[in-house]
Amino acid sequence: MARTYLSATRQNGMEATTRPATWKLLLAFSIIYFVWGSTFLAIRVGVREVPPFLLAGIRFLIAGIILYVWMRSKGTASPTGREWSAASFLALLIFVFDYGLLFWAERRVPSGIAAVMMATIPAFMALGEIAVLRTQRLSWRLGLALLVGMAGVAVLVLPSKGLSEAPVDRIGAAALIIASISWSLAASLSRKLPLPAAKAMSSGVQMLAGGVLLLMGAALLGEFRGFRVQAVSREAWLALAYLIVAGSIAGFTAYVWLIHHESPTKVGTYAYVNPVVAVLVGYFFGGECIGPRTIAGTLLVLVSVVVITTGAAKKPTPLKQAEEAETAEP
């Protein structure tokens, strides 16, 4: 899932490099499209047997340690104290309040619907830029897109006699909305915080810190009590391995590589491909229902995401450029 690595890639723009082979581009896009889209079902499989915060903590702790050790072996300097503090703060927002709630909600909400609900992140980011950061104005196009996205969420959650499909669990849906808001807040704050310059190291320490915080949360919630490792099935362990290797390590590598070779707009298309993949994977491999409610809600949310993410970017003023230069990492 791409949200894991956003704060690492915000710090640097796309670097000028030679055009890579077409097959490499197709492989990298396939990974962030299909692998990240399929991780939602892997989460649902895992949380059936492993407590959610514990499962998330194991996933990100192992992935974070692997990335950290890998970067240190390549000669990358260890983060400073300030960088560890900033990474830990972002980890609280991204991993505890975003991923922790996502893993928890997938005990109550189908994986495909969870992916669609999390696709509202661009809408909350836009609202934050309008109301808090003041970096974007509320145009009629953006306002309409936000309303369409909210309508999609309402279709998924609110009861309706006109749609035969059962509505989404409201508590689970509320948790997913809080998770989306937390991620959006982290996305804005990551631009100002002193994070490691190396993208892989930045993501690695955030995952490492996030894994520790999630395990602490699991302990506070009592998830270790009564949990027996030997009772976990091979299917659940395979789901965890898939989340670590394919979702975090392979997905991260593909995403960072693409950021260096393609425009952010093209790479960002995963935001509206992942939910479609997640819904289809949940239907064909997870036995999840696709009814008129799911189709209608998904289409409305995806239309909103496409309009928001493809909108014309506001051109920065010289003053804004100067402010960004002062806060940029060296």
Protein backbone atom coordinates (compact mmCIF):
# COMPACT_ATOMS: atom_id res chain seq x y z
CA MET A 1 0.00 0.00 0.00
CA ALA A 2 1.51 3.38 -1.12
CA ARG A 3 0.41 5.28 1.93
CA THR A 4 3.29 3.75 3.90
CA TYR A 5 5.89 5.69 2.02
CA LEU A 6 4.33 9.04 1.26
CA SER A 7 6.32 11.11 3.72
CA ALA A 8 9.59 9.78 2.36
CA THR A 9 8.82 10.75 -1.22
CA ARG A 10 7.40 14.19 -0.47
CA GLN A 11 10.83 15.58 0.30
CA ASN A 12 12.39 15.24 -3.14
CA GLY A 13 11.12 15.80 -6.67
CA MET A 14 11.59 13.41 -9.56
CA GLU A 15 15.25 13.27 -10.53
CA ALA A 16 16.36 13.50 -14.12
CA THR A 17 17.54 10.05 -15.27
CA THR A 18 17.81 8.13 -18.51
CA ARG A 19 14.63 6.49 -19.72
CA PRO A 20 14.45 2.92 -18.34
CA ALA A 21 13.37 -0.12 -20.33
CA THR A 22 9.63 -0.40 -20.96
CA TRP A 23 9.40 -3.80 -19.28
CA LYS A 24 10.84 -2.36 -16.07
CA LEU A 25 8.25 0.42 -16.05
CA LEU A 26 5.42 -2.05 -16.69
CA LEU A 27 6.67 -4.33 -13.91
CA ALA A 28 6.95 -1.48 -11.41
CA PHE A 29 3.48 -0.14 -12.24
CA SER A 30 2.04 -3.68 -12.05
CA ILE A 31 3.46 -4.00 -8.53
CA ILE A 32 2.00 -0.75 -7.19
CA TYR A 33 -1.30 -1.40 -8.98
CA PHE A 34 -1.95 -5.07 -8.29
CA VAL A 35 0.24 -5.95 -5.32
CA TRP A 36 -0.82 -2.92 -3.28
CA GLY A 37 -4.44 -3.47 -4.32
CA SER A 38 -4.30 -7.09 -3.17
CA THR A 39 -2.83 -6.28 0.25
CA PHE A 40 -6.29 -5.32 1.53
CA LEU A 41 -7.45 -8.95 1.22
CA ALA A 42 -4.19 -10.16 2.79
CA ILE A 43 -4.91 -7.91 5.78
CA ARG A 44 -8.42 -9.32 6.11
CA VAL A 45 -7.09 -12.88 5.99
CA GLY A 46 -4.49 -12.09 8.64
CA VAL A 47 -6.75 -10.30 11.14
CA ARG A 48 -9.15 -13.24 11.23
CA GLU A 49 -6.62 -15.04 13.43
CA VAL A 50 -4.08 -12.46 14.61
CA PRO A 51 -5.15 -9.36 16.60
CA PRO A 52 -5.06 -6.32 14.28
CA PHE A 53 -2.54 -4.07 16.03
CA LEU A 54 -0.29 -7.04 16.69
CA LEU A 55 -0.41 -8.13 13.04
CA ALA A 56 0.29 -4.59 11.80
CA GLY A 57 3.11 -4.19 14.32
CA ILE A 58 4.84 -7.39 13.22
CA ARG A 59 4.50 -6.42 9.56
CA PHE A 60 6.03 -2.98 9.83
CA LEU A 61 8.64 -3.80 12.45
CA ILE A 62 10.14 -6.57 10.29
CA ALA A 63 9.90 -4.52 7.08
CA GLY A 64 11.41 -1.48 8.82
CA ILE A 65 14.33 -3.46 10.23
CA ILE A 66 15.08 -4.98 6.81
CA LEU A 67 15.08 -1.57 5.10
CA TYR A 68 17.12 0.06 7.87
CA VAL A 69 19.78 -2.68 7.84
CA TRP A 70 19.86 -2.63 4.02
CA MET A 71 20.44 1.13 3.89
CA ARG A 72 23.08 1.01 6.63
CA SER A 73 24.89 -1.76 4.74
CA LYS A 74 25.00 0.55 1.72
CA GLY A 75 26.72 3.23 3.78
CA THR A 76 23.72 5.49 4.48
CA ALA A 77 24.18 7.39 7.73
CA SER A 78 21.90 6.60 10.65
CA PRO A 79 19.23 9.27 11.28
CA THR A 80 19.95 12.02 13.80
CA GLY A 81 17.98 12.38 17.01
CA ARG A 82 15.78 15.07 15.45
CA GLU A 83 15.11 12.85 12.44
CA TRP A 84 14.19 9.89 14.66
CA SER A 85 11.80 12.14 16.62
CA ALA A 86 10.15 13.44 13.44
CA ALA A 87 9.89 9.93 11.99
CA SER A 88 8.35 8.62 15.22
CA PHE A 89 5.75 11.39 15.26
CA LEU A 90 4.76 10.64 11.67
CA ALA A 91 4.74 6.94 12.50
CA LEU A 92 2.16 7.62 15.19
CA LEU A 93 -0.15 9.23 12.63
CA ILE A 94 0.57 6.89 9.72
CA PHE A 95 0.94 3.52 11.37
CA VAL A 96 -1.00 3.68 14.63
CA PHE A 97 -3.95 5.89 13.63
CA ASP A 98 -3.99 5.01 9.94
CA TYR A 99 -2.81 1.43 9.51
CA GLY A 100 -3.77 0.35 13.01
CA LEU A 101 -7.36 1.45 12.42
CA LEU A 102 -7.34 -0.03 8.91
CA PHE A 103 -6.28 -3.44 10.22
CA TRP A 104 -8.85 -3.16 13.04
CA ALA A 105 -11.65 -2.11 10.66
CA GLU A 106 -11.02 -5.03 8.33
CA ARG A 107 -12.45 -7.31 11.00
CA ARG A 108 -15.78 -5.57 10.40
CA VAL A 109 -15.60 -4.28 6.79
CA PRO A 110 -14.91 -6.22 3.54
CA SER A 111 -11.42 -5.63 2.15
CA GLY A 112 -12.65 -4.10 -1.11
CA ILE A 113 -14.89 -1.62 0.70
CA ALA A 114 -12.02 -0.74 3.05
CA ALA A 115 -9.87 0.12 0.03
CA VAL A 116 -12.63 2.31 -1.40
CA MET A 117 -13.08 4.12 1.92
CA MET A 118 -9.32 4.73 2.16
CA ALA A 119 -9.43 6.19 -1.35
CA THR A 120 -11.04 9.27 0.21
CA ILE A 121 -7.58 10.39 1.40
CA PRO A 122 -7.13 12.85 -1.53
CA ALA A 123 -10.44 14.49 -0.55
CA PHE A 124 -9.30 15.03 3.03
CA MET A 125 -5.93 16.29 1.81
CA ALA A 126 -7.72 18.80 -0.41
CA LEU A 127 -9.89 19.93 2.49
CA GLY A 128 -6.79 20.37 4.64
CA GLU A 129 -5.09 22.47 1.97
CA ILE A 130 -8.20 24.65 1.71
CA ALA A 131 -9.10 25.08 5.38
CA VAL A 132 -5.76 24.70 7.19
CA LEU A 133 -2.78 25.25 4.90
CA ARG A 134 -4.54 27.82 2.71
CA THR A 135 -2.57 26.54 -0.30
CA GLN A 136 -5.63 25.81 -2.43
CA ARG A 137 -8.90 27.56 -3.17
CA LEU A 138 -12.30 25.92 -3.20
CA SER A 139 -13.25 26.02 -6.89
CA TRP A 140 -16.57 24.78 -8.20
CA ARG A 141 -14.77 21.79 -9.77
CA LEU A 142 -13.08 20.81 -6.52
CA GLY A 143 -16.23 21.43 -4.48
CA LEU A 144 -18.28 19.20 -6.78
CA ALA A 145 -15.62 16.47 -6.59
CA LEU A 146 -15.69 16.59 -2.78
CA LEU A 147 -19.47 16.32 -2.75
CA VAL A 148 -19.36 13.35 -5.12
CA GLY A 149 -16.83 11.60 -2.89
CA MET A 150 -18.96 12.20 0.21
CA ALA A 151 -21.98 10.87 -1.67
CA GLY A 152 -20.03 7.71 -2.47
CA VAL A 153 -19.21 7.16 1.21
CA ALA A 154 -22.85 7.80 2.12
CA VAL A 155 -24.03 5.20 -0.40
CA LEU A 156 -21.68 2.64 1.16
CA VAL A 157 -22.61 3.39 4.76
CA LEU A 158 -26.17 4.67 4.99
CA PRO A 159 -29.10 2.21 4.85
CA SER A 160 -31.19 2.29 1.71
CA LYS A 161 -34.25 0.26 0.75
CA GLY A 162 -33.47 0.80 -2.91
CA LEU A 163 -30.27 -1.25 -2.72
CA SER A 164 -30.47 -4.91 -1.76
CA GLU A 165 -26.86 -5.13 -0.56
CA ALA A 166 -26.23 -4.86 3.17
CA PRO A 167 -24.69 -1.54 4.32
CA VAL A 168 -21.15 -1.30 5.61
CA ASP A 169 -20.58 -1.58 9.37
CA ARG A 170 -20.75 2.02 10.62
CA ILE A 171 -18.16 1.68 13.37
CA GLY A 172 -15.70 0.14 10.93
CA ALA A 173 -16.46 2.85 8.39
CA ALA A 174 -15.91 5.57 11.00
CA ALA A 175 -12.53 4.02 11.87
CA LEU A 176 -11.55 4.11 8.19
CA ILE A 177 -12.54 7.78 7.90
CA ILE A 178 -10.43 8.63 10.97
CA ALA A 179 -7.56 6.66 9.40
CA SER A 180 -7.88 8.66 6.17
CA ILE A 181 -7.86 11.96 8.05
CA SER A 182 -4.80 10.90 10.04
CA TRP A 183 -2.93 10.01 6.85
CA SER A 184 -3.89 13.33 5.28
CA LEU A 185 -2.57 15.20 8.31
CA ALA A 186 0.70 13.27 8.16
CA ALA A 187 1.01 14.10 4.46
CA SER A 188 0.86 17.81 5.20
CA LEU A 189 3.20 17.69 8.19
CA SER A 190 5.80 15.57 6.39
CA ARG A 191 6.71 18.56 4.22
CA LYS A 192 7.98 20.50 7.21
CA LEU A 193 9.57 17.85 9.42
CA PRO A 194 13.31 17.02 9.39
CA LEU A 195 13.35 13.52 7.91
CA PRO A 196 16.34 11.58 6.52
CA ALA A 197 17.25 12.69 2.99
CA ALA A 198 17.51 9.10 1.69
CA LYS A 199 13.98 7.95 0.84
CA ALA A 200 14.58 4.33 1.73
CA MET A 201 16.08 5.24 5.10
CA SER A 202 13.22 7.65 5.83
CA SER A 203 10.60 5.01 5.08
CA GLY A 204 12.56 2.35 6.93
CA VAL A 205 12.82 4.29 10.19
CA GLN A 206 9.16 5.30 9.99
CA MET A 207 8.11 1.68 9.55
CA LEU A 208 10.46 0.60 12.32
CA ALA A 209 9.11 3.23 14.71
CA GLY A 210 5.57 2.47 13.60
CA GLY A 211 6.04 -1.23 14.25
CA VAL A 212 7.25 -0.53 17.80
CA LEU A 213 4.34 1.84 18.48
CA LEU A 214 1.81 -0.64 17.08
CA LEU A 215 3.16 -3.41 19.30
CA MET A 216 2.95 -1.08 22.29
CA GLY A 217 -0.66 -0.34 21.31
CA ALA A 218 -1.34 -4.06 20.99
CA ALA A 219 -0.02 -4.58 24.54
CA LEU A 220 -2.14 -1.74 25.92
CA LEU A 221 -5.23 -3.18 24.21
CA GLY A 222 -4.55 -6.59 25.68
CA GLU A 223 -3.99 -8.28 22.33
CA PHE A 224 -1.19 -10.45 23.70
CA ARG A 225 -3.47 -12.01 26.31
CA GLY A 226 -4.78 -15.33 25.13
CA PHE A 227 -2.93 -15.11 21.79
CA ARG A 228 -1.24 -18.41 20.89
CA VAL A 229 1.24 -18.42 18.03
CA GLN A 230 0.79 -22.16 17.47
CA ALA A 231 -2.93 -21.64 16.87
CA VAL A 232 -2.35 -19.38 13.85
CA SER A 233 -2.91 -21.16 10.54
CA ARG A 234 -0.46 -21.35 7.67
CA GLU A 235 -2.83 -19.17 5.62
CA ALA A 236 -2.53 -16.31 8.11
CA TRP A 237 1.27 -16.59 8.25
CA LEU A 238 1.40 -16.56 4.45
CA ALA A 239 -0.76 -13.42 4.44
CA LEU A 240 1.68 -11.75 6.86
CA ALA A 241 4.67 -12.81 4.74
CA TYR A 242 2.94 -11.41 1.65
CA LEU A 243 2.31 -8.09 3.41
CA ILE A 244 5.96 -7.83 4.47
CA VAL A 245 7.73 -9.01 1.31
CA ALA A 246 5.35 -8.03 -1.49
CA GLY A 247 3.38 -5.19 0.08
CA SER A 248 6.10 -3.36 1.99
CA ILE A 249 9.50 -4.25 0.52
CA ALA A 250 8.74 -4.97 -3.16
CA GLY A 251 6.00 -2.35 -3.29
CA PHE A 252 8.20 0.26 -1.66
CA THR A 253 11.12 -0.46 -4.02
CA ALA A 254 8.88 -0.20 -7.08
CA TYR A 255 7.25 3.01 -5.87
CA VAL A 256 10.51 4.81 -5.06
CA TRP A 257 12.04 3.66 -8.36
CA LEU A 258 9.02 4.97 -10.29
CA ILE A 259 9.17 8.33 -8.52
CA HIS A 260 12.68 8.73 -9.97
CA HIS A 261 11.66 7.80 -13.52
CA GLU A 262 8.05 8.91 -14.01
CA SER A 263 5.98 11.97 -13.20
CA PRO A 264 4.21 12.05 -9.80
CA THR A 265 0.90 12.34 -11.66
CA LYS A 266 1.43 9.02 -13.44
CA VAL A 267 2.70 7.28 -10.34
CA GLY A 268 -0.25 8.68 -8.36
CA THR A 269 -2.69 6.77 -10.56
CA TYR A 270 -2.39 3.90 -8.07
CA ALA A 271 -4.84 5.91 -5.91
CA TYR A 272 -7.75 5.01 -8.17
CA VAL A 273 -6.52 1.66 -9.46
CA ASN A 274 -5.93 0.07 -6.04
CA PRO A 275 -9.60 0.24 -4.91
CA VAL A 276 -10.80 -1.42 -8.13
CA VAL A 277 -8.19 -4.16 -7.77
CA ALA A 278 -9.07 -4.62 -4.09
CA VAL A 279 -12.80 -4.97 -4.83
CA LEU A 280 -12.16 -7.53 -7.60
CA VAL A 281 -9.60 -9.50 -5.57
CA GLY A 282 -12.00 -9.57 -2.62
CA TYR A 283 -14.80 -10.82 -4.86
CA PHE A 284 -12.87 -13.55 -6.72
CA PHE A 285 -10.55 -14.74 -3.96
CA GLY A 286 -12.18 -13.63 -0.71
CA GLY A 287 -15.80 -14.44 -1.37
CA GLU A 288 -16.84 -10.80 -0.82
CA CYS A 289 -20.05 -9.49 -2.34
CA ILE A 290 -20.20 -6.98 -5.18
CA GLY A 291 -23.72 -5.59 -5.33
CA PRO A 292 -25.31 -2.36 -6.54
CA ARG A 293 -24.32 -0.54 -3.33
CA THR A 294 -20.64 -1.44 -3.72
CA ILE A 295 -20.59 -0.57 -7.43
CA ALA A 296 -22.37 2.77 -6.97
CA GLY A 297 -20.31 3.84 -3.96
CA THR A 298 -17.03 2.79 -5.57
CA LEU A 299 -17.75 4.65 -8.80
CA LEU A 300 -18.66 7.85 -6.95
CA VAL A 301 -15.53 7.74 -4.78
CA LEU A 302 -13.29 6.99 -7.77
CA VAL A 303 -14.76 9.84 -9.82
CA SER A 304 -14.04 12.15 -6.89
CA VAL A 305 -10.44 10.88 -6.59
CA VAL A 306 -9.76 11.22 -10.32
CA VAL A 307 -11.07 14.80 -10.44
CA ILE A 308 -9.15 15.86 -7.33
CA THR A 309 -5.84 14.23 -8.28
CA THR A 310 -5.91 15.41 -11.90
CA GLY A 311 -6.86 19.01 -11.10
CA ALA A 312 -4.53 21.79 -12.19
CA ALA A 313 -1.92 22.50 -9.55
CA LYS A 314 -1.79 26.00 -8.16
CA LYS A 315 1.35 27.81 -9.30
CA PRO A 316 3.45 28.82 -6.28
CA THR A 317 4.20 32.48 -5.74
CA PRO A 318 7.82 33.69 -5.38
CA LEU A 319 7.19 34.17 -1.63
CA LYS A 320 5.89 30.62 -1.33
CA GLN A 321 8.89 29.31 -3.25
CA ALA A 322 11.21 31.13 -0.91
CA GLU A 323 9.45 29.68 2.15
CA GLU A 324 9.73 26.18 0.73
CA ALA A 325 13.41 26.69 -0.05
CA GLU A 326 14.07 27.72 3.56
CA THR A 327 12.36 24.59 4.95
CA ALA A 328 13.73 22.15 2.36
CA GLU A 329 16.10 19.43 3.41
CA PRO A 330 19.78 20.08 2.46
